Amino acid sequence: MEHDIRIGGYRIGAVAEVKIRKSVERLCDVATIVLPGRYAGAVLDVENSLKAGDKVMVKLGYGQKLKEEFAGYVKAIRSDDGTCTIECEDELWKMRKDVPDKVYKNIDCEKLLKEVCGCEVNCDYSFKYDTFTVKSATAYDVLKKVQDETKANIYFKGDTLHIHPQYKEVGDRVVYDFGVNVEGSNLKWRSVDERSFLIEVEGIGKDGKRIIVTEGRTGGDKRSVKVYGVTDKESLKACAKEELTRMVYTGYEGSIDGWLTPYCEPTYKVRLKDEEHPDRDGDYYCVSTEVEFSESGGKRKITIGKKL
């Protein structure tokens, strides 16, 4: 196993552990880099030269075949028990800044986030607010509120903010064969009949006006969502459909464990193959990945969403 890790103007020669988490359901990809205790003296000298906001790049792999697993910025540096832990965030780190107070009226989420975040936006999600109030907030606060209320996938890829309906953006395809490159799994098979949900979304306008829309079927679990500042019926129905899409399908749910290769990241189409149950072979949406890298080895945990 090999690594190429650069922080600010430094290239890290040795690491005790690296952990990387990515997800289309989280606003932020994060990485934790732990420098080994035997380098504590040198680390503490270098630590004074590192600071929040320094650029971070992490490449991992085998031999000379390294793949960029994370790019972002230093969020915090901690020294504990003789080791140095560097916490990192992706482009979202730049969003932890105060933004001007303002009340937006009749604005869709794409235009809102372009103005608030001041970055390039890739959006194919239609959601309109009657009013959206920003007060004593950061750009991160605004992003979190929009994500909670729209149920859209909101995340950064490079320096571009992506806003998509769930499962809309599909990346490359990767194959995991249970007899070849799957180290372990935590999967369960579920049918549509076992996933009966009724989604109720209640929009509450600034004047107290309430509009309720539902999607799904009765007889199972009911999920209720409240969205403030929205009375546009189509936006509320889109929110309900997004929640239902995420929860209702026939196929596997759970996660599998692999190695650093093949490479996989959120949005990838994951092909699961099982010679013992070929009828269950299929493509699944990669929702999140967790990478662990240390002297013990390299592992990639892939959590899947619905069957595509």
C-alpha atoms as a PDB file:
ATOM      1  CA  MET A   1       0.000   0.000   0.000  1.00  0.00           C
ATOM      2  CA  GLU A   2       1.143   3.513  -0.777  1.00  0.00           C
ATOM      3  CA  HIS A   3      -0.079   7.027  -0.052  1.00  0.00           C
ATOM      4  CA  ASP A   4       0.538  10.554  -1.232  1.00  0.00           C
ATOM      5  CA  ILE A   5      -0.812  13.071   1.296  1.00  0.00           C
ATOM      6  CA  ARG A   6      -0.135  16.784   1.015  1.00  0.00           C
ATOM      7  CA  ILE A   7      -1.173  19.419   3.551  1.00  0.00           C
ATOM      8  CA  GLY A   8      -0.355  23.032   2.871  1.00  0.00           C
ATOM      9  CA  GLY A   9       3.256  23.050   1.722  1.00  0.00           C
ATOM     10  CA  TYR A  10       4.078  19.665   3.287  1.00  0.00           C
ATOM     11  CA  ARG A  11       4.083  16.132   1.986  1.00  0.00           C
ATOM     12  CA  ILE A  12       3.351  13.665   4.796  1.00  0.00           C
ATOM     13  CA  GLY A  13       5.922  10.880   4.935  1.00  0.00           C
ATOM     14  CA  ALA A  14       4.136   8.531   7.337  1.00  0.00           C
ATOM     15  CA  VAL A  15       0.622   8.231   8.744  1.00  0.00           C
ATOM     16  CA  ALA A  16      -0.894   6.089  11.476  1.00  0.00           C
ATOM     17  CA  GLU A  17      -4.394   6.176  10.034  1.00  0.00           C
ATOM     18  CA  VAL A  18      -6.595   7.869   7.470  1.00  0.00           C
ATOM     19  CA  LYS A  19     -10.393   7.807   7.498  1.00  0.00           C
ATOM     20  CA  ILE A  20     -12.515   9.339   4.730  1.00  0.00           C
ATOM     21  CA  ARG A  21     -16.304   9.586   4.623  1.00  0.00           C
ATOM     22  CA  LYS A  22     -18.276  10.628   1.550  1.00  0.00           C
ATOM     23  CA  SER A  23     -22.028  10.707   1.009  1.00  0.00           C
ATOM     24  CA  VAL A  24     -24.623  12.274  -1.271  1.00  0.00           C
ATOM     25  CA  GLU A  25     -26.868  12.512   1.785  1.00  0.00           C
ATOM     26  CA  ARG A  26     -24.392  14.620   3.769  1.00  0.00           C
ATOM     27  CA  LEU A  27     -23.434  18.150   2.879  1.00  0.00           C
ATOM     28  CA  CYS A  28     -19.776  17.506   3.547  1.00  0.00           C
ATOM     29  CA  ASP A  29     -17.126  14.902   2.782  1.00  0.00           C
ATOM     30  CA  VAL A  30     -14.655  14.613   5.655  1.00  0.00           C
ATOM     31  CA  ALA A  31     -11.209  13.146   6.230  1.00  0.00           C
ATOM     32  CA  THR A  32      -9.272  12.463   9.423  1.00  0.00           C
ATOM     33  CA  ILE A  33      -5.507  12.074   9.193  1.00  0.00           C
ATOM     34  CA  VAL A  34      -3.637  10.754  12.247  1.00  0.00           C
ATOM     35  CA  LEU A  35       0.133  11.184  12.315  1.00  0.00           C
ATOM     36  CA  PRO A  36       2.037   8.498  14.264  1.00  0.00           C
ATOM     37  CA  GLY A  37       3.285   9.009  17.807  1.00  0.00           C
ATOM     38  CA  ARG A  38       6.911   8.249  17.027  1.00  0.00           C
ATOM     39  CA  TYR A  39       6.954  11.400  14.919  1.00  0.00           C
ATOM     40  CA  ALA A  40       5.401  13.427  17.733  1.00  0.00           C
ATOM     41  CA  GLY A  41       8.387  15.773  18.117  1.00  0.00           C
ATOM     42  CA  ALA A  42       8.559  16.555  14.417  1.00  0.00           C
ATOM     43  CA  VAL A  43       4.793  16.790  14.184  1.00  0.00           C
ATOM     44  CA  LEU A  44       4.615  19.393  16.924  1.00  0.00           C
ATOM     45  CA  ASP A  45       7.235  21.498  15.127  1.00  0.00           C
ATOM     46  CA  VAL A  46       5.331  21.244  11.858  1.00  0.00           C
ATOM     47  CA  GLU A  47       1.995  21.817  13.546  1.00  0.00           C
ATOM     48  CA  ASN A  48       2.843  25.468  14.083  1.00  0.00           C
ATOM     49  CA  SER A  49       3.136  25.842  10.324  1.00  0.00           C
ATOM     50  CA  LEU A  50      -0.244  24.262   9.584  1.00  0.00           C
ATOM     51  CA  LYS A  51      -3.513  26.096  10.021  1.00  0.00           C
ATOM     52  CA  ALA A  52      -7.212  25.882   9.317  1.00  0.00           C
ATOM     53  CA  GLY A  53      -7.827  26.514   5.646  1.00  0.00           C
ATOM     54  CA  ASP A  54      -4.656  24.839   4.374  1.00  0.00           C
ATOM     55  CA  LYS A  55      -5.358  22.745   1.298  1.00  0.00           C
ATOM     56  CA  VAL A  56      -5.396  18.967   1.703  1.00  0.00           C
ATOM     57  CA  MET A  57      -5.016  16.257  -0.922  1.00  0.00           C
ATOM     58  CA  VAL A  58      -5.098  12.512  -0.180  1.00  0.00           C
ATOM     59  CA  LYS A  59      -4.184   9.823  -2.688  1.00  0.00           C
ATOM     60  CA  LEU A  60      -4.233   6.137  -1.719  1.00  0.00           C
ATOM     61  CA  GLY A  61      -3.612   2.868  -3.515  1.00  0.00           C
ATOM     62  CA  TYR A  62      -1.268   0.002  -4.235  1.00  0.00           C
ATOM     63  CA  GLY A  63       2.192   0.368  -5.744  1.00  0.00           C
ATOM     64  CA  GLN A  64       2.256   3.259  -8.193  1.00  0.00           C
ATOM     65  CA  LYS A  65      -1.501   3.143  -8.860  1.00  0.00           C
ATOM     66  CA  LEU A  66      -2.790   5.860  -6.574  1.00  0.00           C
ATOM     67  CA  LYS A  67      -6.254   7.399  -6.707  1.00  0.00           C
ATOM     68  CA  GLU A  68      -7.298  10.742  -5.279  1.00  0.00           C
ATOM     69  CA  GLU A  69      -9.648   9.897  -2.427  1.00  0.00           C
ATOM     70  CA  PHE A  70     -10.093  13.339  -0.892  1.00  0.00           C
ATOM     71  CA  ALA A  71      -9.470  17.013  -1.595  1.00  0.00           C
ATOM     72  CA  GLY A  72     -10.373  19.796   0.792  1.00  0.00           C
ATOM     73  CA  TYR A  73      -9.115  21.947   3.640  1.00  0.00           C
ATOM     74  CA  VAL A  74      -7.862  21.639   7.200  1.00  0.00           C
ATOM     75  CA  LYS A  75     -10.702  22.275   9.632  1.00  0.00           C
ATOM     76  CA  ALA A  76      -8.899  21.638  12.922  1.00  0.00           C
ATOM     77  CA  ILE A  77      -5.662  20.219  14.354  1.00  0.00           C
ATOM     78  CA  ARG A  78      -5.597  18.300  17.632  1.00  0.00           C
ATOM     79  CA  SER A  79      -2.701  16.844  19.612  1.00  0.00           C
ATOM     80  CA  ASP A  80      -3.675  13.960  21.885  1.00  0.00           C
ATOM     81  CA  ASP A  81      -1.603  11.238  23.557  1.00  0.00           C
ATOM     82  CA  GLY A  82       1.499  12.099  21.556  1.00  0.00           C
ATOM     83  CA  THR A  83      -0.242  11.897  18.166  1.00  0.00           C
ATOM     84  CA  CYS A  84      -1.478  14.661  15.892  1.00  0.00           C
ATOM     85  CA  THR A  85      -4.965  14.435  14.351  1.00  0.00           C
ATOM     86  CA  ILE A  86      -5.849  16.644  11.391  1.00  0.00           C
ATOM     87  CA  GLU A  87      -9.566  17.030  10.676  1.00  0.00           C
ATOM     88  CA  CYS A  88     -10.480  18.039   7.142  1.00  0.00           C
ATOM     89  CA  GLU A  89     -13.570  19.058   5.182  1.00  0.00           C
ATOM     90  CA  ASP A  90     -14.220  19.381   1.476  1.00  0.00           C
ATOM     91  CA  GLU A  91     -15.320  22.622  -0.209  1.00  0.00           C
ATOM     92  CA  LEU A  92     -18.029  23.039   2.411  1.00  0.00           C
ATOM     93  CA  TRP A  93     -15.341  24.431   4.715  1.00  0.00           C
ATOM     94  CA  LYS A  94     -15.616  27.674   2.745  1.00  0.00           C
ATOM     95  CA  MET A  95     -19.334  27.841   3.504  1.00  0.00           C
ATOM     96  CA  ARG A  96     -18.803  28.339   7.222  1.00  0.00           C
ATOM     97  CA  LYS A  97     -18.932  32.078   6.758  1.00  0.00           C
ATOM     98  CA  ASP A  98     -21.534  34.613   7.787  1.00  0.00           C
ATOM     99  CA  VAL A  99     -23.847  35.842   5.048  1.00  0.00           C
ATOM    100  CA  PRO A 100     -25.933  39.051   4.993  1.00  0.00           C
ATOM    101  CA  ASP A 101     -29.414  39.006   6.533  1.00  0.00           C
ATOM    102  CA  LYS A 102     -32.051  39.028   3.826  1.00  0.00           C
ATOM    103  CA  VAL A 103     -35.608  37.924   3.082  1.00  0.00           C
ATOM    104  CA  TYR A 104     -35.977  36.220  -0.299  1.00  0.00           C
ATOM    105  CA  LYS A 105     -39.405  35.990  -1.917  1.00  0.00           C
ATOM    106  CA  ASN A 106     -40.649  33.649  -4.662  1.00  0.00           C
ATOM    107  CA  ILE A 107     -37.210  32.149  -5.203  1.00  0.00           C
ATOM    108  CA  ASP A 108     -36.166  28.655  -6.265  1.00  0.00           C
ATOM    109  CA  CYS A 109     -33.403  26.770  -4.455  1.00  0.00           C
ATOM    110  CA  GLU A 110     -30.913  27.064  -7.331  1.00  0.00           C
ATOM    111  CA  LYS A 111     -31.049  30.865  -7.450  1.00  0.00           C
ATOM    112  CA  LEU A 112     -31.070  31.079  -3.650  1.00  0.00           C
ATOM    113  CA  LEU A 113     -27.954  28.958  -3.193  1.00  0.00           C
ATOM    114  CA  LYS A 114     -26.085  30.664  -6.025  1.00  0.00           C
ATOM    115  CA  GLU A 115     -26.569  34.006  -4.304  1.00  0.00           C
ATOM    116  CA  VAL A 116     -25.890  32.804  -0.763  1.00  0.00           C
ATOM    117  CA  CYS A 117     -22.936  30.505  -1.480  1.00  0.00           C
ATOM    118  CA  GLY A 118     -21.326  32.473  -4.286  1.00  0.00           C
ATOM    119  CA  CYS A 119     -20.096  29.381  -6.112  1.00  0.00           C
ATOM    120  CA  GLU A 120     -20.854  27.411  -9.257  1.00  0.00           C
ATOM    121  CA  VAL A 121     -24.077  25.427  -8.917  1.00  0.00           C
ATOM    122  CA  ASN A 122     -25.184  22.325 -10.826  1.00  0.00           C
ATOM    123  CA  CYS A 123     -28.908  21.990 -10.122  1.00  0.00           C
ATOM    124  CA  ASP A 124     -31.710  20.024 -11.771  1.00  0.00           C
ATOM    125  CA  TYR A 125     -34.019  20.100  -8.764  1.00  0.00           C
ATOM    126  CA  SER A 126     -37.124  22.289  -8.909  1.00  0.00           C
ATOM    127  CA  PHE A 127     -38.206  23.646  -5.540  1.00  0.00           C
ATOM    128  CA  LYS A 128     -39.679  27.094  -4.931  1.00  0.00           C
ATOM    129  CA  TYR A 129     -39.911  29.062  -1.683  1.00  0.00           C
ATOM    130  CA  ASP A 130     -42.628  31.651  -1.053  1.00  0.00           C
ATOM    131  CA  THR A 131     -40.228  33.244   1.417  1.00  0.00           C
ATOM    132  CA  PHE A 132     -36.813  32.286   2.732  1.00  0.00           C
ATOM    133  CA  THR A 133     -35.356  34.288   5.617  1.00  0.00           C
ATOM    134  CA  VAL A 134     -31.630  34.453   6.297  1.00  0.00           C
ATOM    135  CA  LYS A 135     -30.815  35.938   9.693  1.00  0.00           C
ATOM    136  CA  SER A 136     -27.588  35.604  11.691  1.00  0.00           C
ATOM    137  CA  ALA A 137     -26.656  32.575   9.587  1.00  0.00           C
ATOM    138  CA  THR A 138     -23.762  31.108   7.657  1.00  0.00           C
ATOM    139  CA  ALA A 139     -23.906  29.722   4.134  1.00  0.00           C
ATOM    140  CA  TYR A 140     -23.667  26.287   5.760  1.00  0.00           C
ATOM    141  CA  ASP A 141     -26.825  27.001   7.805  1.00  0.00           C
ATOM    142  CA  VAL A 142     -28.704  27.889   4.628  1.00  0.00           C
ATOM    143  CA  LEU A 143     -27.497  24.755   2.839  1.00  0.00           C
ATOM    144  CA  LYS A 144     -28.537  22.573   5.772  1.00  0.00           C
ATOM    145  CA  LYS A 145     -32.019  24.099   5.912  1.00  0.00           C
ATOM    146  CA  VAL A 146     -32.556  23.636   2.161  1.00  0.00           C
ATOM    147  CA  GLN A 147     -31.359  20.032   2.341  1.00  0.00           C
ATOM    148  CA  ASP A 148     -33.582  19.212   5.326  1.00  0.00           C
ATOM    149  CA  GLU A 149     -36.658  20.691   3.673  1.00  0.00           C
ATOM    150  CA  THR A 150     -36.247  19.621   0.051  1.00  0.00           C
ATOM    151  CA  LYS A 151     -34.812  16.118   0.725  1.00  0.00           C
ATOM    152  CA  ALA A 152     -32.565  16.683  -2.292  1.00  0.00           C
ATOM    153  CA  ASN A 153     -29.015  15.372  -2.543  1.00  0.00           C
ATOM    154  CA  ILE A 154     -26.813  18.419  -1.891  1.00  0.00           C
ATOM    155  CA  TYR A 155     -23.036  18.041  -1.924  1.00  0.00           C
ATOM    156  CA  PHE A 156     -19.845  19.445  -3.391  1.00  0.00           C
ATOM    157  CA  LYS A 157     -17.902  17.794  -6.165  1.00  0.00           C
ATOM    158  CA  GLY A 158     -14.701  19.774  -6.499  1.00  0.00           C
ATOM    159  CA  ASP A 159     -15.723  23.431  -6.142  1.00  0.00           C
ATOM    160  CA  THR A 160     -19.167  22.910  -7.721  1.00  0.00           C
ATOM    161  CA  LEU A 161     -22.255  22.639  -5.526  1.00  0.00           C
ATOM    162  CA  HIS A 162     -24.571  19.870  -6.745  1.00  0.00           C
ATOM    163  CA  ILE A 163     -28.326  19.804  -6.086  1.00  0.00           C
ATOM    164  CA  HIS A 164     -30.142  16.785  -7.530  1.00  0.00           C
ATOM    165  CA  PRO A 165     -33.191  14.614  -6.945  1.00  0.00           C
ATOM    166  CA  GLN A 166     -32.182  11.425  -5.183  1.00  0.00           C
ATOM    167  CA  TYR A 167     -30.639   8.853  -7.541  1.00  0.00           C
ATOM    168  CA  LYS A 168     -30.723  11.302 -10.464  1.00  0.00           C
ATOM    169  CA  GLU A 169     -26.981  11.777 -10.946  1.00  0.00           C
ATOM    170  CA  VAL A 170     -25.313   8.456 -11.763  1.00  0.00           C
ATOM    171  CA  GLY A 171     -21.548   8.147 -12.040  1.00  0.00           C
ATOM    172  CA  ASP A 172     -19.309   5.319 -13.233  1.00  0.00           C
ATOM    173  CA  ARG A 173     -20.127   1.620 -12.869  1.00  0.00           C
ATOM    174  CA  VAL A 174     -18.194  -0.746 -10.606  1.00  0.00           C
ATOM    175  CA  VAL A 175     -18.653  -4.515 -10.131  1.00  0.00           C
ATOM    176  CA  TYR A 176     -18.531  -6.293  -6.767  1.00  0.00           C
ATOM    177  CA  ASP A 177     -18.631 -10.084  -6.926  1.00  0.00           C
ATOM    178  CA  PHE A 178     -19.251 -11.799  -3.582  1.00  0.00           C
ATOM    179  CA  GLY A 179     -16.829 -14.551  -4.563  1.00  0.00           C
ATOM    180  CA  VAL A 180     -14.051 -12.250  -5.763  1.00  0.00           C
ATOM    181  CA  ASN A 181     -13.710  -8.783  -4.270  1.00  0.00           C
ATOM    182  CA  VAL A 182     -16.175  -8.553  -1.368  1.00  0.00           C
ATOM    183  CA  GLU A 183     -14.519  -9.036   2.008  1.00  0.00           C
ATOM    184  CA  GLY A 184     -17.747  -8.931   4.009  1.00  0.00           C
ATOM    185  CA  SER A 185     -21.296  -7.610   3.883  1.00  0.00           C
ATOM    186  CA  ASN A 186     -24.182  -6.442   5.994  1.00  0.00           C
ATOM    187  CA  LEU A 187     -27.017  -6.804   3.516  1.00  0.00           C
ATOM    188  CA  LYS A 188     -30.693  -7.653   3.816  1.00  0.00           C
ATOM    189  CA  TRP A 189     -33.119  -8.434   0.999  1.00  0.00           C
ATOM    190  CA  ARG A 190     -36.387  -6.499   1.080  1.00  0.00           C
ATOM    191  CA  SER A 191     -39.376  -6.478  -1.292  1.00  0.00           C
ATOM    192  CA  VAL A 192     -41.689  -3.588  -2.090  1.00  0.00           C
ATOM    193  CA  ASP A 193     -44.382  -5.329  -0.042  1.00  0.00           C
ATOM    194  CA  GLU A 194     -42.145  -4.993   3.000  1.00  0.00           C
ATOM    195  CA  ARG A 195     -41.639  -1.292   2.340  1.00  0.00           C
ATOM    196  CA  SER A 196     -45.084   0.241   2.692  1.00  0.00           C
ATOM    197  CA  PHE A 197     -44.895   3.949   3.450  1.00  0.00           C
ATOM    198  CA  LEU A 198     -47.188   6.957   3.336  1.00  0.00           C
ATOM    199  CA  ILE A 199     -45.315  10.240   3.110  1.00  0.00           C
ATOM    200  CA  GLU A 200     -47.107  13.398   4.239  1.00  0.00           C
ATOM    201  CA  VAL A 201     -45.553  16.784   3.575  1.00  0.00           C
ATOM    202  CA  GLU A 202     -47.066  19.884   5.135  1.00  0.00           C
ATOM    203  CA  GLY A 203     -46.136  23.261   3.714  1.00  0.00           C
ATOM    204  CA  ILE A 204     -46.565  26.222   6.044  1.00  0.00           C
ATOM    205  CA  GLY A 205     -46.572  29.726   4.587  1.00  0.00           C
ATOM    206  CA  LYS A 206     -45.482  32.898   6.336  1.00  0.00           C
ATOM    207  CA  ASP A 207     -49.153  33.852   6.802  1.00  0.00           C
ATOM    208  CA  GLY A 208     -49.891  30.509   8.479  1.00  0.00           C
ATOM    209  CA  LYS A 209     -51.472  28.987   5.387  1.00  0.00           C
ATOM    210  CA  ARG A 210     -51.057  25.211   5.337  1.00  0.00           C
ATOM    211  CA  ILE A 211     -51.056  22.827   2.379  1.00  0.00           C
ATOM    212  CA  ILE A 212     -50.701  19.062   2.805  1.00  0.00           C
ATOM    213  CA  VAL A 213     -49.756  16.588   0.062  1.00  0.00           C
ATOM    214  CA  THR A 214     -49.256  12.822   0.347  1.00  0.00           C
ATOM    215  CA  GLU A 215     -47.463  10.141  -1.643  1.00  0.00           C
ATOM    216  CA  GLY A 216     -47.412   6.371  -1.137  1.00  0.00           C
ATOM    217  CA  ARG A 217     -49.969   4.023   0.337  1.00  0.00           C
ATOM    218  CA  THR A 218     -51.667   3.421   3.637  1.00  0.00           C
ATOM    219  CA  GLY A 219     -51.204   0.304   5.734  1.00  0.00           C
ATOM    220  CA  GLY A 220     -47.562   0.821   6.608  1.00  0.00           C
ATOM    221  CA  ASP A 221     -45.389   3.397   8.291  1.00  0.00           C
ATOM    222  CA  LYS A 222     -46.269   7.058   7.970  1.00  0.00           C
ATOM    223  CA  ARG A 223     -43.617   9.728   7.692  1.00  0.00           C
ATOM    224  CA  SER A 224     -44.505  13.387   8.225  1.00  0.00           C
ATOM    225  CA  VAL A 225     -42.388  16.301   7.054  1.00  0.00           C
ATOM    226  CA  LYS A 226     -42.988  19.996   7.697  1.00  0.00           C
ATOM    227  CA  VAL A 227     -41.593  22.623   5.339  1.00  0.00           C
ATOM    228  CA  TYR A 228     -41.745  26.283   6.316  1.00  0.00           C
ATOM    229  CA  GLY A 229     -42.032  29.094   3.796  1.00  0.00           C
ATOM    230  CA  VAL A 230     -43.398  26.858   1.032  1.00  0.00           C
ATOM    231  CA  THR A 231     -46.987  26.590  -0.228  1.00  0.00           C
ATOM    232  CA  ASP A 232     -46.232  25.702  -3.843  1.00  0.00           C
ATOM    233  CA  LYS A 233     -48.013  22.386  -4.307  1.00  0.00           C
ATOM    234  CA  GLU A 234     -45.649  21.041  -6.954  1.00  0.00           C
ATOM    235  CA  SER A 235     -42.635  21.730  -4.732  1.00  0.00           C
ATOM    236  CA  LEU A 236     -44.295  19.912  -1.845  1.00  0.00           C
ATOM    237  CA  LYS A 237     -45.160  16.923  -4.068  1.00  0.00           C
ATOM    238  CA  ALA A 238     -41.559  16.802  -5.279  1.00  0.00           C
ATOM    239  CA  CYS A 239     -40.406  16.675  -1.671  1.00  0.00           C
ATOM    240  CA  ALA A 240     -42.822  13.809  -0.889  1.00  0.00           C
ATOM    241  CA  LYS A 241     -41.761  11.846  -3.972  1.00  0.00           C
ATOM    242  CA  GLU A 242     -38.083  12.236  -3.072  1.00  0.00           C
ATOM    243  CA  GLU A 243     -38.680  10.773   0.381  1.00  0.00           C
ATOM    244  CA  LEU A 244     -40.738   7.893  -1.047  1.00  0.00           C
ATOM    245  CA  THR A 245     -38.183   7.125  -3.757  1.00  0.00           C
ATOM    246  CA  ARG A 246     -35.494   6.770  -1.130  1.00  0.00           C
ATOM    247  CA  MET A 247     -37.485   4.270   0.910  1.00  0.00           C
ATOM    248  CA  VAL A 248     -39.514   2.037  -1.425  1.00  0.00           C
ATOM    249  CA  TYR A 249     -37.904  -0.563  -3.726  1.00  0.00           C
ATOM    250  CA  THR A 250     -37.277  -4.305  -4.040  1.00  0.00           C
ATOM    251  CA  GLY A 251     -33.696  -5.355  -3.456  1.00  0.00           C
ATOM    252  CA  TYR A 252     -30.817  -5.276  -1.020  1.00  0.00           C
ATOM    253  CA  GLU A 253     -30.289  -2.718   1.682  1.00  0.00           C
ATOM    254  CA  GLY A 254     -27.160  -2.287   3.744  1.00  0.00           C
ATOM    255  CA  SER A 255     -23.443  -2.266   2.963  1.00  0.00           C
ATOM    256  CA  ILE A 256     -20.515  -4.290   1.643  1.00  0.00           C
ATOM    257  CA  ASP A 257     -16.806  -4.168   2.486  1.00  0.00           C
ATOM    258  CA  GLY A 258     -14.138  -4.184  -0.179  1.00  0.00           C
ATOM    259  CA  TRP A 259     -10.561  -3.013  -0.608  1.00  0.00           C
ATOM    260  CA  LEU A 260      -9.133   0.180  -2.089  1.00  0.00           C
ATOM    261  CA  THR A 261      -9.636  -1.270  -5.545  1.00  0.00           C
ATOM    262  CA  PRO A 262     -11.931  -1.160  -7.333  1.00  0.00           C
ATOM    263  CA  TYR A 263     -12.453   2.532  -6.684  1.00  0.00           C
ATOM    264  CA  CYS A 264     -15.991   3.565  -5.807  1.00  0.00           C
ATOM    265  CA  GLU A 265     -17.562   6.822  -4.671  1.00  0.00           C
ATOM    266  CA  PRO A 266     -21.102   8.100  -4.010  1.00  0.00           C
ATOM    267  CA  THR A 267     -23.317   8.265  -7.158  1.00  0.00           C
ATOM    268  CA  TYR A 268     -21.531   5.228  -8.651  1.00  0.00           C
ATOM    269  CA  LYS A 269     -23.636   2.392 -10.025  1.00  0.00           C
ATOM    270  CA  VAL A 270     -22.650  -0.685  -8.005  1.00  0.00           C
ATOM    271  CA  ARG A 271     -23.204  -4.047  -9.686  1.00  0.00           C
ATOM    272  CA  LEU A 272     -23.663  -6.816  -7.102  1.00  0.00           C
ATOM    273  CA  LYS A 273     -23.029 -10.372  -8.353  1.00  0.00           C
ATOM    274  CA  ASP A 274     -23.683 -13.527  -6.359  1.00  0.00           C
ATOM    275  CA  GLU A 275     -23.285 -17.005  -7.901  1.00  0.00           C
ATOM    276  CA  GLU A 276     -25.392 -18.489  -5.106  1.00  0.00           C
ATOM    277  CA  HIS A 277     -28.310 -16.107  -5.752  1.00  0.00           C
ATOM    278  CA  PRO A 278     -28.057 -14.986  -9.408  1.00  0.00           C
ATOM    279  CA  ASP A 279     -31.707 -13.875  -9.344  1.00  0.00           C
ATOM    280  CA  ARG A 280     -30.659 -11.142  -6.927  1.00  0.00           C
ATOM    281  CA  ASP A 281     -27.904  -9.715  -9.130  1.00  0.00           C
ATOM    282  CA  GLY A 282     -28.471  -6.077  -9.922  1.00  0.00           C
ATOM    283  CA  ASP A 283     -27.253  -2.482 -10.003  1.00  0.00           C
ATOM    284  CA  TYR A 284     -27.521  -0.323  -6.906  1.00  0.00           C
ATOM    285  CA  TYR A 285     -26.889   3.333  -6.226  1.00  0.00           C
ATOM    286  CA  CYS A 286     -23.881   4.067  -4.039  1.00  0.00           C
ATOM    287  CA  VAL A 287     -25.084   6.433  -1.325  1.00  0.00           C
ATOM    288  CA  SER A 288     -21.919   6.642   0.751  1.00  0.00           C
ATOM    289  CA  THR A 289     -18.404   5.285   1.184  1.00  0.00           C
ATOM    290  CA  GLU A 290     -16.070   5.015   4.167  1.00  0.00           C
ATOM    291  CA  VAL A 291     -12.366   4.459   3.541  1.00  0.00           C
ATOM    292  CA  GLU A 292      -9.913   3.303   6.230  1.00  0.00           C
ATOM    293  CA  PHE A 293      -6.165   3.193   5.585  1.00  0.00           C
ATOM    294  CA  SER A 294      -3.489   2.124   8.086  1.00  0.00           C
ATOM    295  CA  GLU A 295      -0.731  -0.408   8.626  1.00  0.00           C
ATOM    296  CA  SER A 296      -3.488  -2.998   9.053  1.00  0.00           C
ATOM    297  CA  GLY A 297      -4.615  -2.514   5.465  1.00  0.00           C
ATOM    298  CA  GLY A 298      -6.994  -0.546   3.296  1.00  0.00           C
ATOM    299  CA  LYS A 299     -10.763  -1.008   3.319  1.00  0.00           C
ATOM    300  CA  ARG A 300     -13.681   0.627   1.553  1.00  0.00           C
ATOM    301  CA  LYS A 301     -17.211   0.277   2.958  1.00  0.00           C
ATOM    302  CA  ILE A 302     -19.941   0.912   0.375  1.00  0.00           C
ATOM    303  CA  THR A 303     -23.478   1.695   1.534  1.00  0.00           C
ATOM    304  CA  ILE A 304     -26.074   1.203  -1.176  1.00  0.00           C
ATOM    305  CA  GLY A 305     -29.379   2.872  -1.842  1.00  0.00           C
ATOM    306  CA  LYS A 306     -32.215   1.659  -4.037  1.00  0.00           C
ATOM    307  CA  LYS A 307     -31.883  -0.804  -6.881  1.00  0.00           C
ATOM    308  CA  LEU A 308     -31.544   1.006 -10.203  1.00  0.00           C
END
